[in-house]
Amino acid sequence: MVLSEAEALARLEALRRQRDAIERQIADLLLYLDLGRRLGGPAAPAQPSPDADGRADAPIPVPEPTPQRAQAPVAAPPAPPAAAPERPPAPAFAVPVEGEVGLSETVLARRYGRALIEAVLAVLEEAGRPMHASEILARISEQGFSLPGQDPVAALNTRLWKRSGPGGPLKRLGEAVYAPADAEEA
């Protein structure tokens, strides 16, 4: 079977789309498993429960990839991305000390949130100028704080925005730009 260049490129693009879809499914499953581990779920998959007949449902078969004839690559494969220096991720919540072991997760989350805002205020006081949420995040990340989600800057911006209202510790000066509330009054 001889392929034209257009056919080869079309087939290559189709395979790349399939690979991307598979990689997304793998990432979703890994996140799901990680969430299960964090919430203390069972480590092993549950066995199918038998029906009233005593029979269990058959597992869903996973299709095996069909072997295809190897073809010469059209272009050189892309170089792997440069490895960024790995830093261990900061815990989402501070590890409870001996007296705090019995506290609920809600109480610990509130304490963490308060400590986060105190750290933000300290960073703003130290800088002596208004700062963008991304600058603030960089500084508090160095102190070991972390924020959940795919966009930590947006998560921090939301938290700061909620505390920039009347009587709050922060003053919003622009799009994601904050300063301590007392600095504006002085």
N, C-alpha and C. Protein backbone atom coordinates (compact mmCIF):
# COMPACT_ATOMS: atom_id res chain seq x y z
N MET A 1 0.84 -1.17 0.00
CA MET A 1 0.00 0.00 0.00
C MET A 1 0.89 1.23 0.00
N VAL A 2 0.71 2.07 -1.00
CA VAL A 2 1.49 3.29 -1.12
C VAL A 2 0.56 4.46 -0.83
N LEU A 3 0.98 5.30 0.08
CA LEU A 3 0.18 6.47 0.45
C LEU A 3 0.74 7.71 -0.20
N SER A 4 -0.15 8.57 -0.60
CA SER A 4 0.31 9.86 -1.08
C SER A 4 0.66 10.71 0.13
N GLU A 5 1.32 11.82 -0.11
CA GLU A 5 1.71 12.69 1.00
C GLU A 5 0.47 13.23 1.72
N ALA A 6 -0.54 13.60 0.98
CA ALA A 6 -1.77 14.14 1.58
C ALA A 6 -2.46 13.09 2.44
N GLU A 7 -2.50 11.83 1.94
CA GLU A 7 -3.11 10.76 2.72
C GLU A 7 -2.32 10.48 3.99
N ALA A 8 -1.00 10.50 3.86
CA ALA A 8 -0.16 10.26 5.03
C ALA A 8 -0.34 11.36 6.07
N LEU A 9 -0.41 12.61 5.61
CA LEU A 9 -0.61 13.72 6.54
C LEU A 9 -1.99 13.64 7.20
N ALA A 10 -3.01 13.27 6.43
CA ALA A 10 -4.36 13.14 7.00
C ALA A 10 -4.40 12.03 8.04
N ARG A 11 -3.76 10.92 7.73
CA ARG A 11 -3.73 9.79 8.67
C ARG A 11 -2.94 10.15 9.93
N LEU A 12 -1.84 10.86 9.74
CA LEU A 12 -1.03 11.31 10.88
C LEU A 12 -1.85 12.23 11.78
N GLU A 13 -2.59 13.15 11.18
CA GLU A 13 -3.42 14.08 11.96
C GLU A 13 -4.51 13.33 12.71
N ALA A 14 -5.11 12.33 12.07
CA ALA A 14 -6.15 11.53 12.74
C ALA A 14 -5.56 10.78 13.93
N LEU A 15 -4.38 10.22 13.75
CA LEU A 15 -3.72 9.51 14.85
C LEU A 15 -3.37 10.46 15.99
N ARG A 16 -2.94 11.67 15.66
CA ARG A 16 -2.64 12.65 16.70
C ARG A 16 -3.89 13.03 17.49
N ARG A 17 -5.01 13.17 16.79
CA ARG A 17 -6.27 13.48 17.48
C ARG A 17 -6.66 12.34 18.41
N GLN A 18 -6.49 11.10 17.95
CA GLN A 18 -6.79 9.94 18.80
C GLN A 18 -5.87 9.93 20.02
N ARG A 19 -4.59 10.21 19.80
CA ARG A 19 -3.64 10.23 20.91
C ARG A 19 -4.02 11.31 21.91
N ASP A 20 -4.39 12.49 21.43
CA ASP A 20 -4.80 13.58 22.32
C ASP A 20 -6.03 13.18 23.14
N ALA A 21 -6.99 12.53 22.50
CA ALA A 21 -8.19 12.09 23.21
C ALA A 21 -7.83 11.07 24.28
N ILE A 22 -6.95 10.14 23.95
CA ILE A 22 -6.53 9.13 24.92
C ILE A 22 -5.77 9.79 26.07
N GLU A 23 -4.90 10.73 25.77
CA GLU A 23 -4.15 11.42 26.83
C GLU A 23 -5.08 12.19 27.75
N ARG A 24 -6.14 12.80 27.20
CA ARG A 24 -7.12 13.50 28.04
C ARG A 24 -7.85 12.52 28.95
N GLN A 25 -8.21 11.35 28.41
CA GLN A 25 -8.89 10.34 29.22
C GLN A 25 -7.97 9.83 30.32
N ILE A 26 -6.70 9.63 30.00
CA ILE A 26 -5.73 9.18 31.00
C ILE A 26 -5.60 10.22 32.09
N ALA A 27 -5.49 11.49 31.72
CA ALA A 27 -5.36 12.55 32.71
C ALA A 27 -6.60 12.61 33.60
N ASP A 28 -7.78 12.47 33.01
CA ASP A 28 -9.01 12.48 33.81
C ASP A 28 -9.03 11.32 34.80
N LEU A 29 -8.64 10.14 34.35
CA LEU A 29 -8.63 8.99 35.24
C LEU A 29 -7.60 9.14 36.35
N LEU A 30 -6.44 9.70 36.02
CA LEU A 30 -5.42 9.91 37.05
C LEU A 30 -5.91 10.91 38.09
N LEU A 31 -6.57 11.97 37.64
CA LEU A 31 -7.13 12.94 38.59
C LEU A 31 -8.21 12.29 39.45
N TYR A 32 -9.03 11.45 38.84
CA TYR A 32 -10.08 10.76 39.57
C TYR A 32 -9.48 9.84 40.64
N LEU A 33 -8.44 9.09 40.27
CA LEU A 33 -7.79 8.20 41.23
C LEU A 33 -7.12 9.00 42.35
N ASP A 34 -6.49 10.11 42.00
CA ASP A 34 -5.85 10.96 43.00
C ASP A 34 -6.89 11.51 43.97
N LEU A 35 -8.02 11.94 43.43
CA LEU A 35 -9.09 12.45 44.28
C LEU A 35 -9.59 11.35 45.21
N GLY A 36 -9.73 10.15 44.69
CA GLY A 36 -10.16 9.02 45.52
C GLY A 36 -9.17 8.74 46.64
N ARG A 37 -7.88 8.81 46.34
CA ARG A 37 -6.87 8.59 47.38
C ARG A 37 -6.93 9.69 48.43
N ARG A 38 -7.11 10.94 47.98
CA ARG A 38 -7.17 12.05 48.93
C ARG A 38 -8.38 11.96 49.84
N LEU A 39 -9.48 11.48 49.31
CA LEU A 39 -10.69 11.38 50.11
C LEU A 39 -10.75 10.07 50.89
N GLY A 40 -9.73 9.24 50.76
CA GLY A 40 -9.65 8.01 51.54
C GLY A 40 -10.50 6.89 51.00
N GLY A 41 -10.72 6.88 49.71
CA GLY A 41 -11.52 5.84 49.08
C GLY A 41 -10.75 4.54 49.01
N PRO A 42 -11.41 3.48 48.56
CA PRO A 42 -10.72 2.19 48.46
C PRO A 42 -9.61 2.24 47.43
N ALA A 43 -8.51 1.57 47.74
CA ALA A 43 -7.35 1.59 46.85
C ALA A 43 -7.57 0.69 45.64
N ALA A 44 -8.28 -0.43 45.84
CA ALA A 44 -8.50 -1.38 44.76
C ALA A 44 -9.91 -1.19 44.21
N PRO A 45 -10.10 -1.47 42.93
CA PRO A 45 -11.45 -1.33 42.38
C PRO A 45 -12.38 -2.35 43.02
N ALA A 46 -13.62 -1.96 43.22
CA ALA A 46 -14.59 -2.84 43.84
C ALA A 46 -14.96 -3.96 42.86
N GLN A 47 -15.16 -5.16 43.39
CA GLN A 47 -15.55 -6.29 42.57
C GLN A 47 -17.02 -6.11 42.19
N PRO A 48 -17.40 -6.52 41.00
CA PRO A 48 -18.80 -6.38 40.61
C PRO A 48 -19.69 -7.21 41.52
N SER A 49 -20.82 -6.64 41.92
CA SER A 49 -21.73 -7.35 42.81
C SER A 49 -22.60 -8.28 41.98
N PRO A 50 -22.88 -9.46 42.50
CA PRO A 50 -23.70 -10.41 41.74
C PRO A 50 -25.15 -9.93 41.66
N ASP A 51 -25.82 -10.30 40.56
CA ASP A 51 -27.24 -10.00 40.39
C ASP A 51 -28.05 -10.91 41.29
N ALA A 52 -29.36 -10.81 41.17
CA ALA A 52 -30.24 -11.70 41.92
C ALA A 52 -30.02 -13.14 41.48
N ASP A 53 -29.58 -13.35 40.24
CA ASP A 53 -29.33 -14.70 39.73
C ASP A 53 -28.04 -15.28 40.31
N GLY A 54 -27.21 -14.44 40.92
CA GLY A 54 -25.93 -14.90 41.41
C GLY A 54 -24.82 -14.66 40.40
N ARG A 55 -25.16 -14.03 39.25
CA ARG A 55 -24.15 -13.77 38.24
C ARG A 55 -23.67 -12.34 38.37
N ALA A 56 -22.42 -12.11 38.10
CA ALA A 56 -21.87 -10.76 38.11
C ALA A 56 -21.81 -10.24 36.68
N ASP A 57 -21.93 -8.93 36.54
CA ASP A 57 -21.81 -8.33 35.22
C ASP A 57 -20.39 -8.51 34.72
N ALA A 58 -20.28 -8.77 33.45
CA ALA A 58 -18.95 -8.92 32.85
C ALA A 58 -18.29 -7.54 32.77
N PRO A 59 -16.98 -7.48 33.01
CA PRO A 59 -16.32 -6.18 32.91
C PRO A 59 -16.36 -5.67 31.47
N ILE A 60 -16.35 -4.38 31.33
CA ILE A 60 -16.37 -3.77 30.00
C ILE A 60 -15.02 -4.01 29.34
N PRO A 61 -15.02 -4.61 28.16
CA PRO A 61 -13.73 -4.88 27.51
C PRO A 61 -13.10 -3.59 27.01
N VAL A 62 -11.79 -3.53 27.14
CA VAL A 62 -11.04 -2.38 26.65
C VAL A 62 -10.47 -2.77 25.30
N PRO A 63 -10.80 -2.04 24.25
CA PRO A 63 -10.31 -2.42 22.93
C PRO A 63 -8.79 -2.29 22.85
N GLU A 64 -8.19 -3.29 22.26
CA GLU A 64 -6.75 -3.29 22.07
C GLU A 64 -6.42 -2.49 20.81
N PRO A 65 -5.34 -1.73 20.82
CA PRO A 65 -4.99 -1.00 19.61
C PRO A 65 -4.59 -1.97 18.51
N THR A 66 -5.04 -1.69 17.31
CA THR A 66 -4.70 -2.56 16.19
C THR A 66 -3.30 -2.21 15.70
N PRO A 67 -2.47 -3.23 15.52
CA PRO A 67 -1.11 -2.94 15.05
C PRO A 67 -1.16 -2.42 13.62
N GLN A 68 -0.41 -1.38 13.38
CA GLN A 68 -0.35 -0.81 12.04
C GLN A 68 1.09 -0.86 11.56
N ARG A 69 1.20 -0.92 10.26
CA ARG A 69 2.52 -0.99 9.67
C ARG A 69 3.28 0.29 9.97
N ALA A 70 4.52 0.15 10.39
CA ALA A 70 5.35 1.32 10.70
C ALA A 70 5.66 2.07 9.42
N GLN A 71 5.55 3.38 9.51
CA GLN A 71 5.86 4.22 8.37
C GLN A 71 6.97 5.18 8.76
N ALA A 72 7.68 5.62 7.76
CA ALA A 72 8.74 6.59 8.02
C ALA A 72 8.10 7.90 8.46
N PRO A 73 8.65 8.54 9.48
CA PRO A 73 8.05 9.79 9.93
C PRO A 73 8.19 10.87 8.87
N VAL A 74 7.16 11.72 8.78
CA VAL A 74 7.16 12.80 7.80
C VAL A 74 8.17 13.85 8.22
N ALA A 75 8.20 14.16 9.51
CA ALA A 75 9.13 15.15 10.04
C ALA A 75 9.74 14.59 11.32
N ALA A 76 10.82 15.19 11.74
CA ALA A 76 11.45 14.74 12.97
C ALA A 76 10.49 14.98 14.14
N PRO A 77 10.45 14.06 15.12
CA PRO A 77 9.55 14.26 16.25
C PRO A 77 9.97 15.50 17.04
N PRO A 78 8.99 16.18 17.64
CA PRO A 78 9.34 17.39 18.40
C PRO A 78 10.20 17.04 19.60
N ALA A 79 11.07 17.97 19.93
CA ALA A 79 11.96 17.76 21.08
C ALA A 79 11.13 17.79 22.35
N PRO A 80 11.51 16.98 23.36
CA PRO A 80 10.75 17.01 24.61
C PRO A 80 10.91 18.38 25.27
N PRO A 81 9.88 18.81 26.02
CA PRO A 81 9.97 20.13 26.66
C PRO A 81 11.11 20.16 27.67
N ALA A 82 11.68 21.34 27.83
CA ALA A 82 12.77 21.48 28.78
C ALA A 82 12.25 21.22 30.18
N ALA A 83 13.00 20.46 30.93
CA ALA A 83 12.58 20.10 32.28
C ALA A 83 12.71 21.31 33.19
N ALA A 84 11.60 21.67 33.82
CA ALA A 84 11.61 22.77 34.77
C ALA A 84 12.12 22.24 36.11
N PRO A 85 12.79 23.07 36.88
CA PRO A 85 13.26 22.59 38.17
C PRO A 85 12.06 22.19 39.03
N GLU A 86 12.11 20.97 39.53
CA GLU A 86 11.01 20.43 40.32
C GLU A 86 11.10 20.93 41.75
N ARG A 87 9.99 21.51 42.20
CA ARG A 87 9.86 21.89 43.60
C ARG A 87 8.76 21.05 44.18
N PRO A 88 8.93 20.52 45.36
CA PRO A 88 7.84 19.75 45.93
C PRO A 88 6.65 20.67 46.17
N PRO A 89 5.44 20.23 45.81
CA PRO A 89 4.28 21.09 46.00
C PRO A 89 4.00 21.32 47.48
N ALA A 90 3.62 22.54 47.79
CA ALA A 90 3.26 22.86 49.17
C ALA A 90 1.92 22.21 49.47
N PRO A 91 1.71 21.77 50.69
CA PRO A 91 0.44 21.13 51.02
C PRO A 91 -0.70 22.14 50.89
N ALA A 92 -1.86 21.65 50.47
CA ALA A 92 -3.01 22.53 50.33
C ALA A 92 -3.48 23.04 51.68
N PHE A 93 -3.33 22.23 52.70
CA PHE A 93 -3.68 22.64 54.05
C PHE A 93 -2.49 22.36 54.93
N ALA A 94 -2.29 23.21 55.90
CA ALA A 94 -1.18 23.02 56.81
C ALA A 94 -1.38 21.72 57.58
N VAL A 95 -0.30 21.01 57.84
CA VAL A 95 -0.37 19.79 58.60
C VAL A 95 -0.74 20.15 60.04
N PRO A 96 -1.79 19.53 60.59
CA PRO A 96 -2.20 19.91 61.93
C PRO A 96 -1.15 19.52 62.97
N VAL A 97 -0.97 20.40 63.94
CA VAL A 97 -0.07 20.09 65.03
C VAL A 97 -0.79 19.17 66.00
N GLU A 98 -0.10 18.73 67.02
CA GLU A 98 -0.62 17.69 67.90
C GLU A 98 -1.99 18.02 68.48
N GLY A 99 -2.23 19.25 68.90
CA GLY A 99 -3.50 19.61 69.51
C GLY A 99 -4.63 19.78 68.51
N GLU A 100 -4.33 19.88 67.23
CA GLU A 100 -5.34 20.15 66.21
C GLU A 100 -5.83 18.91 65.49
N VAL A 101 -5.37 17.74 65.87
CA VAL A 101 -5.70 16.52 65.14
C VAL A 101 -7.20 16.28 65.10
N GLY A 102 -7.93 16.60 66.16
CA GLY A 102 -9.36 16.34 66.22
C GLY A 102 -10.21 17.38 65.52
N LEU A 103 -9.63 18.45 65.01
CA LEU A 103 -10.42 19.51 64.38
C LEU A 103 -10.92 19.06 63.01
N SER A 104 -12.07 19.58 62.64
CA SER A 104 -12.66 19.21 61.36
C SER A 104 -11.88 19.86 60.21
N GLU A 105 -12.09 19.32 59.04
CA GLU A 105 -11.42 19.84 57.85
C GLU A 105 -11.87 21.27 57.56
N THR A 106 -13.13 21.57 57.89
CA THR A 106 -13.66 22.91 57.67
C THR A 106 -12.92 23.93 58.53
N VAL A 107 -12.71 23.59 59.79
CA VAL A 107 -12.01 24.50 60.70
C VAL A 107 -10.58 24.72 60.21
N LEU A 108 -9.93 23.64 59.80
CA LEU A 108 -8.55 23.76 59.31
C LEU A 108 -8.50 24.59 58.02
N ALA A 109 -9.49 24.43 57.15
CA ALA A 109 -9.52 25.20 55.91
C ALA A 109 -9.70 26.68 56.20
N ARG A 110 -10.55 27.01 57.17
CA ARG A 110 -10.75 28.42 57.53
C ARG A 110 -9.47 29.01 58.10
N ARG A 111 -8.79 28.24 58.94
CA ARG A 111 -7.53 28.73 59.51
C ARG A 111 -6.50 28.96 58.41
N TYR A 112 -6.46 28.05 57.45
CA TYR A 112 -5.52 28.18 56.34
C TYR A 112 -5.85 29.42 55.53
N GLY A 113 -7.14 29.65 55.29
CA GLY A 113 -7.56 30.84 54.54
C GLY A 113 -7.18 32.13 55.26
N ARG A 114 -7.36 32.15 56.57
CA ARG A 114 -6.99 33.34 57.34
C ARG A 114 -5.48 33.56 57.30
N ALA A 115 -4.72 32.46 57.43
CA ALA A 115 -3.26 32.57 57.38
C ALA A 115 -2.81 33.04 56.00
N LEU A 116 -3.50 32.60 54.97
CA LEU A 116 -3.18 33.03 53.60
C LEU A 116 -3.37 34.53 53.45
N ILE A 117 -4.48 35.06 53.94
CA ILE A 117 -4.75 36.50 53.84
C ILE A 117 -3.74 37.28 54.68
N GLU A 118 -3.38 36.76 55.86
CA GLU A 118 -2.35 37.43 56.67
C GLU A 118 -1.02 37.47 55.93
N ALA A 119 -0.69 36.38 55.24
CA ALA A 119 0.56 36.35 54.46
C ALA A 119 0.50 37.35 53.31
N VAL A 120 -0.66 37.47 52.67
CA VAL A 120 -0.83 38.44 51.58
C VAL A 120 -0.63 39.85 52.12
N LEU A 121 -1.25 40.15 53.26
CA LEU A 121 -1.10 41.48 53.85
C LEU A 121 0.36 41.76 54.20
N ALA A 122 1.06 40.74 54.72
CA ALA A 122 2.48 40.92 55.06
C ALA A 122 3.30 41.20 53.79
N VAL A 123 2.99 40.50 52.71
CA VAL A 123 3.70 40.72 51.44
C VAL A 123 3.44 42.13 50.94
N LEU A 124 2.19 42.58 51.01
CA LEU A 124 1.86 43.93 50.54
C LEU A 124 2.53 45.00 51.40
N GLU A 125 2.56 44.79 52.72
CA GLU A 125 3.22 45.74 53.62
C GLU A 125 4.72 45.79 53.33
N GLU A 126 5.31 44.62 53.11
CA GLU A 126 6.75 44.55 52.83
C GLU A 126 7.09 45.26 51.52
N ALA A 127 6.24 45.08 50.51
CA ALA A 127 6.50 45.71 49.21
C ALA A 127 6.28 47.21 49.28
N GLY A 128 5.33 47.64 50.08
CA GLY A 128 5.07 49.07 50.20
C GLY A 128 4.41 49.68 48.98
N ARG A 129 3.81 48.85 48.14
CA ARG A 129 3.15 49.34 46.93
C ARG A 129 2.04 48.36 46.57
N PRO A 130 1.09 48.79 45.76
CA PRO A 130 0.07 47.86 45.28
C PRO A 130 0.72 46.77 44.42
N MET A 131 0.14 45.59 44.46
CA MET A 131 0.70 44.47 43.70
C MET A 131 -0.41 43.73 42.96
N HIS A 132 -0.02 43.13 41.84
CA HIS A 132 -0.93 42.28 41.07
C HIS A 132 -1.00 40.92 41.76
N ALA A 133 -2.12 40.22 41.57
CA ALA A 133 -2.33 38.92 42.20
C ALA A 133 -1.23 37.92 41.82
N SER A 134 -0.71 38.00 40.60
CA SER A 134 0.35 37.06 40.20
C SER A 134 1.64 37.31 40.98
N GLU A 135 1.95 38.58 41.24
CA GLU A 135 3.13 38.91 42.05
C GLU A 135 2.95 38.42 43.48
N ILE A 136 1.75 38.63 44.01
CA ILE A 136 1.46 38.20 45.38
C ILE A 136 1.58 36.68 45.47
N LEU A 137 1.02 35.98 44.48
CA LEU A 137 1.07 34.52 44.48
C LEU A 137 2.51 34.03 44.46
N ALA A 138 3.37 34.66 43.67
CA ALA A 138 4.77 34.25 43.61
C ALA A 138 5.43 34.37 44.98
N ARG A 139 5.13 35.45 45.68
CA ARG A 139 5.75 35.67 47.00
C ARG A 139 5.20 34.72 48.05
N ILE A 140 3.88 34.49 48.06
CA ILE A 140 3.34 33.60 49.10
C ILE A 140 3.65 32.14 48.80
N SER A 141 3.87 31.82 47.51
CA SER A 141 4.28 30.45 47.17
C SER A 141 5.65 30.14 47.74
N GLU A 142 6.52 31.15 47.78
CA GLU A 142 7.85 30.97 48.38
C GLU A 142 7.74 30.67 49.87
N GLN A 143 6.65 31.12 50.49
CA GLN A 143 6.44 30.89 51.92
C GLN A 143 5.76 29.55 52.18
N GLY A 144 5.39 28.82 51.12
CA GLY A 144 4.80 27.50 51.30
C GLY A 144 3.30 27.44 51.13
N PHE A 145 2.67 28.53 50.75
CA PHE A 145 1.23 28.51 50.53
C PHE A 145 0.94 28.03 49.12
N SER A 146 -0.19 27.35 48.96
CA SER A 146 -0.62 26.93 47.63
C SER A 146 -2.12 27.13 47.52
N LEU A 147 -2.57 27.24 46.29
CA LEU A 147 -3.99 27.43 46.02
C LEU A 147 -4.45 26.35 45.07
N PRO A 148 -5.67 25.85 45.25
CA PRO A 148 -6.16 24.77 44.40
C PRO A 148 -6.61 25.28 43.04
N GLY A 149 -6.76 24.35 42.12
CA GLY A 149 -7.32 24.68 40.81
C GLY A 149 -6.29 24.79 39.72
N GLN A 150 -6.78 24.92 38.51
CA GLN A 150 -5.90 25.01 37.35
C GLN A 150 -5.27 26.37 37.22
N ASP A 151 -5.90 27.41 37.78
CA ASP A 151 -5.38 28.76 37.68
C ASP A 151 -5.27 29.36 39.08
N PRO A 152 -4.13 29.15 39.75
CA PRO A 152 -3.98 29.66 41.12
C PRO A 152 -4.08 31.17 41.21
N VAL A 153 -3.69 31.89 40.15
CA VAL A 153 -3.80 33.36 40.19
C VAL A 153 -5.26 33.76 40.26
N ALA A 154 -6.10 33.10 39.48
CA ALA A 154 -7.53 33.40 39.52
C ALA A 154 -8.12 33.04 40.88
N ALA A 155 -7.67 31.92 41.46
CA ALA A 155 -8.17 31.53 42.78
C ALA A 155 -7.78 32.57 43.83
N LEU A 156 -6.53 33.04 43.77
CA LEU A 156 -6.09 34.07 44.71
C LEU A 156 -6.84 35.38 44.46
N ASN A 157 -6.99 35.76 43.21
CA ASN A 157 -7.70 36.99 42.88
C ASN A 157 -9.12 36.96 43.44
N THR A 158 -9.79 35.82 43.35
CA THR A 158 -11.15 35.70 43.88
C THR A 158 -11.16 35.88 45.39
N ARG A 159 -10.22 35.25 46.06
CA ARG A 159 -10.14 35.39 47.53
C ARG A 159 -9.87 36.83 47.93
N LEU A 160 -8.96 37.48 47.22
CA LEU A 160 -8.63 38.87 47.55
C LEU A 160 -9.80 39.80 47.23
N TRP A 161 -10.47 39.55 46.12
CA TRP A 161 -11.61 40.38 45.74
C TRP A 161 -12.71 40.32 46.79
N LYS A 162 -12.94 39.10 47.34
CA LYS A 162 -13.97 38.94 48.36
C LYS A 162 -13.63 39.71 49.63
N ARG A 163 -12.36 39.94 49.87
CA ARG A 163 -11.95 40.64 51.10
C ARG A 163 -11.61 42.11 50.85
N SER A 164 -11.95 42.60 49.67
CA SER A 164 -11.65 44.00 49.36
C SER A 164 -12.88 44.89 49.45
N GLY A 165 -13.95 44.36 50.00
CA GLY A 165 -15.17 45.15 50.14
C GLY A 165 -15.08 46.11 51.31
N PRO A 166 -16.18 46.77 51.62
CA PRO A 166 -16.20 47.71 52.75
C PRO A 166 -15.85 47.01 54.06
N GLY A 167 -14.92 47.59 54.79
CA GLY A 167 -14.49 47.01 56.06
C GLY A 167 -13.50 45.87 55.92
N GLY A 168 -13.14 45.50 54.71
CA GLY A 168 -12.20 44.41 54.50
C GLY A 168 -10.77 44.88 54.64
N PRO A 169 -9.83 43.95 54.76
CA PRO A 169 -8.43 44.32 54.96
C PRO A 169 -7.72 44.80 53.69
N LEU A 170 -8.36 44.63 52.53
CA LEU A 170 -7.72 44.98 51.26
C LEU A 170 -8.52 46.01 50.49
N LYS A 171 -7.82 46.70 49.62
CA LYS A 171 -8.43 47.69 48.72
C LYS A 171 -8.10 47.25 47.30
N ARG A 172 -9.12 47.12 46.46
CA ARG A 172 -8.90 46.74 45.06
C ARG A 172 -8.70 48.01 44.25
N LEU A 173 -7.54 48.11 43.59
CA LEU A 173 -7.19 49.32 42.86
C LEU A 173 -7.37 49.18 41.35
N GLY A 174 -7.49 47.98 40.89
CA GLY A 174 -7.63 47.74 39.46
C GLY A 174 -7.88 46.27 39.24
N GLU A 175 -7.78 45.84 37.99
CA GLU A 175 -7.98 44.43 37.67
C GLU A 175 -6.90 43.58 38.32
N ALA A 176 -7.25 42.88 39.39
CA ALA A 176 -6.35 41.99 40.14
C ALA A 176 -5.19 42.74 40.79
N VAL A 177 -5.35 44.02 41.08
CA VAL A 177 -4.32 44.81 41.75
C VAL A 177 -4.86 45.22 43.12
N TYR A 178 -4.08 44.91 44.16
CA TYR A 178 -4.54 45.12 45.53
C TYR A 178 -3.49 45.84 46.36
N ALA A 179 -3.99 46.50 47.41
CA ALA A 179 -3.15 47.17 48.40
C ALA A 179 -3.86 47.01 49.74
N PRO A 180 -3.12 47.14 50.84
CA PRO A 180 -3.80 47.10 52.14
C PRO A 180 -4.81 48.25 52.24
N ALA A 181 -5.93 48.01 52.89
CA ALA A 181 -6.99 49.02 52.97
C ALA A 181 -6.53 50.25 53.73
N ASP A 182 -5.72 50.10 54.77
CA ASP A 182 -5.28 51.25 55.56
C ASP A 182 -4.27 52.10 54.79
N ALA A 183 -3.58 51.55 53.81
CA ALA A 183 -2.60 52.32 53.03
C ALA A 183 -3.32 53.37 52.18
N GLU A 184 -4.53 53.09 51.75
CA GLU A 184 -5.29 54.02 50.93
C GLU A 184 -5.81 55.18 51.77
N GLU A 185 -6.14 54.92 53.04
CA GLU A 185 -6.70 55.94 53.91
C GLU A 185 -5.64 56.89 54.45
N ALA A 186 -4.41 56.42 54.58
CA ALA A 186 -3.34 57.22 55.20
C ALA A 186 -2.84 58.32 54.31
